[in-house]
Protein backbone atom coordinates (compact mmCIF):
# COMPACT_ATOMS: atom_id res chain seq x y z
CA MET A 1 -2.21 -18.73 5.65
CA ALA A 2 0.69 -17.65 7.82
CA GLY A 3 3.25 -15.24 6.48
CA ILE A 4 1.04 -13.41 3.99
CA VAL A 5 1.21 -9.66 4.29
CA GLN A 6 -0.10 -6.61 2.49
CA TYR A 7 2.07 -3.50 2.42
CA VAL A 8 0.35 -0.11 2.52
CA VAL A 9 2.56 2.93 1.87
CA VAL A 10 1.01 6.33 2.52
CA ARG A 11 2.53 9.74 1.84
CA GLY A 12 3.53 11.35 5.12
CA ASP A 13 3.50 14.85 3.67
CA LEU A 14 -0.26 14.70 3.13
CA SER A 15 -0.85 15.32 6.82
CA LYS A 16 2.44 16.86 7.90
CA VAL A 17 2.93 19.39 5.11
CA MET A 18 -0.37 19.66 3.27
CA SER A 19 -2.51 19.48 6.44
CA TRP A 20 -4.87 16.78 5.20
CA PRO A 21 -7.15 15.57 8.00
CA LEU A 22 -6.41 12.09 9.37
CA GLY A 23 -9.70 10.76 7.97
CA ALA A 24 -8.82 11.89 4.45
CA VAL A 25 -5.42 10.18 4.65
CA VAL A 26 -6.96 6.97 5.99
CA ALA A 27 -9.52 7.09 3.17
CA GLN A 28 -6.68 7.04 0.62
CA ALA A 29 -5.31 3.84 2.13
CA CYS A 30 -8.81 2.32 2.22
CA HIS A 31 -9.39 3.17 -1.45
CA ALA A 32 -6.07 1.61 -2.47
CA CYS A 33 -6.60 -1.53 -0.36
CA THR A 34 -10.07 -2.07 -1.81
CA ALA A 35 -8.84 -1.50 -5.36
CA VAL A 36 -5.90 -3.90 -5.09
CA ILE A 37 -8.08 -6.68 -3.63
CA HIS A 38 -10.52 -6.18 -6.51
CA LEU A 39 -7.76 -6.15 -9.15
CA PHE A 40 -6.07 -9.30 -7.83
CA TYR A 41 -9.11 -11.05 -6.39
CA ASN A 42 -8.44 -14.36 -8.14
CA ASP A 43 -4.79 -14.49 -7.11
CA THR A 44 -3.90 -17.49 -4.93
CA HIS A 45 -2.33 -15.36 -2.18
CA THR A 46 -5.23 -12.90 -2.20
CA GLN A 47 -7.69 -15.76 -1.76
CA ALA A 48 -5.65 -17.23 1.11
CA TYR A 49 -5.50 -13.76 2.73
CA LEU A 50 -9.26 -13.33 2.44
CA ALA A 51 -9.96 -16.86 3.71
CA ASP A 52 -8.68 -15.89 7.15
CA LEU A 53 -10.17 -12.40 7.67
CA ASP A 54 -9.59 -12.33 11.40
CA ASN A 55 -5.85 -12.75 10.91
CA MET A 56 -5.07 -10.37 8.05
CA HIS A 57 -1.66 -8.72 8.35
CA LYS A 58 -1.00 -5.27 6.93
CA VAL A 59 2.11 -3.16 7.38
CA VAL A 60 1.39 0.56 7.03
CA LEU A 61 4.47 2.54 6.10
CA GLU A 62 5.26 6.15 5.23
CA ALA A 63 6.71 7.57 2.04
CA ALA A 64 8.07 11.11 2.38
CA ASP A 65 6.25 12.56 -0.61
CA GLU A 66 4.80 11.84 -4.05
CA ALA A 67 8.24 11.47 -5.68
CA SER A 68 9.20 8.82 -3.13
CA LEU A 69 5.93 6.97 -3.69
CA ARG A 70 6.40 7.02 -7.47
CA THR A 71 9.99 5.79 -7.11
CA LEU A 72 8.73 2.84 -5.08
CA CYS A 73 6.04 2.21 -7.70
CA ALA A 74 8.66 2.09 -10.47
CA LYS A 75 10.84 -0.31 -8.45
CA LEU A 76 7.90 -2.64 -7.83
CA LYS A 77 6.90 -2.57 -11.51
CA GLU A 78 10.49 -3.35 -12.49
CA ASN A 79 10.39 -6.45 -10.30
CA ASP A 80 6.85 -7.59 -11.20
CA ILE A 81 5.48 -6.95 -7.70
CA GLN A 82 1.76 -6.45 -8.19
CA HIS A 83 0.33 -3.37 -6.54
CA LYS A 84 -2.00 -0.41 -6.95
CA LEU A 85 -0.83 3.19 -6.90
CA TRP A 86 -3.85 5.21 -5.78
CA ILE A 87 -4.27 8.45 -7.73
CA GLU A 88 -6.71 10.81 -6.02
CA GLN A 89 -9.06 12.62 -8.38
CA PRO A 90 -9.73 15.29 -9.46
CA GLU A 91 -6.36 16.41 -8.04
CA ASN A 92 -4.54 13.70 -10.05
CA VAL A 93 -2.10 13.17 -7.20
CA ALA A 94 -0.59 9.86 -6.06
CA THR A 95 -1.42 9.38 -2.38
CA CYS A 96 -0.94 5.71 -1.49
CA LEU A 97 0.50 2.46 -2.81
CA VAL A 98 -0.67 -1.00 -1.75
CA THR A 99 0.66 -4.41 -2.73
CA LYS A 100 -1.57 -7.36 -3.27
CA PRO A 101 -1.14 -9.91 -0.47
CA TYR A 102 2.21 -11.70 -0.77
CA PRO A 103 4.29 -14.06 1.32
CA LYS A 104 6.29 -11.66 3.47
CA ASP A 105 9.67 -13.09 2.44
CA GLU A 106 8.94 -12.35 -1.24
CA VAL A 107 8.35 -8.60 -0.80
CA GLN A 108 9.76 -7.47 2.54
CA SER A 109 13.08 -6.30 1.04
CA TYR A 110 11.36 -3.65 -1.12
CA PHE A 111 10.12 -1.85 2.00
CA LYS A 112 13.21 -1.90 4.23
CA GLY A 113 13.87 1.87 3.83
CA TYR A 114 10.40 2.89 5.00
CA LYS A 115 9.27 3.55 8.56
CA LEU A 116 5.89 2.83 10.09
CA LEU A 117 3.38 5.59 9.43
CA LYS A 118 2.89 7.90 12.39
CA THR A 119 0.44 10.74 12.88
C-alpha cells in the first residue's frame, strides 16, 4: 500500500556523547520496530505494510537526547498516535521510539523538527 510509513526516532547522544557502538544503537531500533509490529500486528495499516515487504518505507530520525525522545512520546500519546518507546534494560533508559505503520500524511507533521539520523 503506497504512502504507508514507519517512523523510527533514535537518540543521537547514544553514539555521539555516550559512545555506544553503532551495532548497539541499531539494535535499539530493531527492538523497537519488532515490538511495535507485535503490539499492533492486527492493525489494518500494519497488515498492509507487512503485505508488501519488499517496499516497506521507514524514516529513521534523530532525537537529541532522552528528554527530547520523551517529549515526542508525550506529544504522540496526546494525539493518539500509536507507537512504542523502547526502554533498554537493565539501564531503564529510553533509547528509541517507533510508530506503527501509518499513512504518511497522518503522522508526518509530528516529525518535522527532526533530522535524519547520521553516524
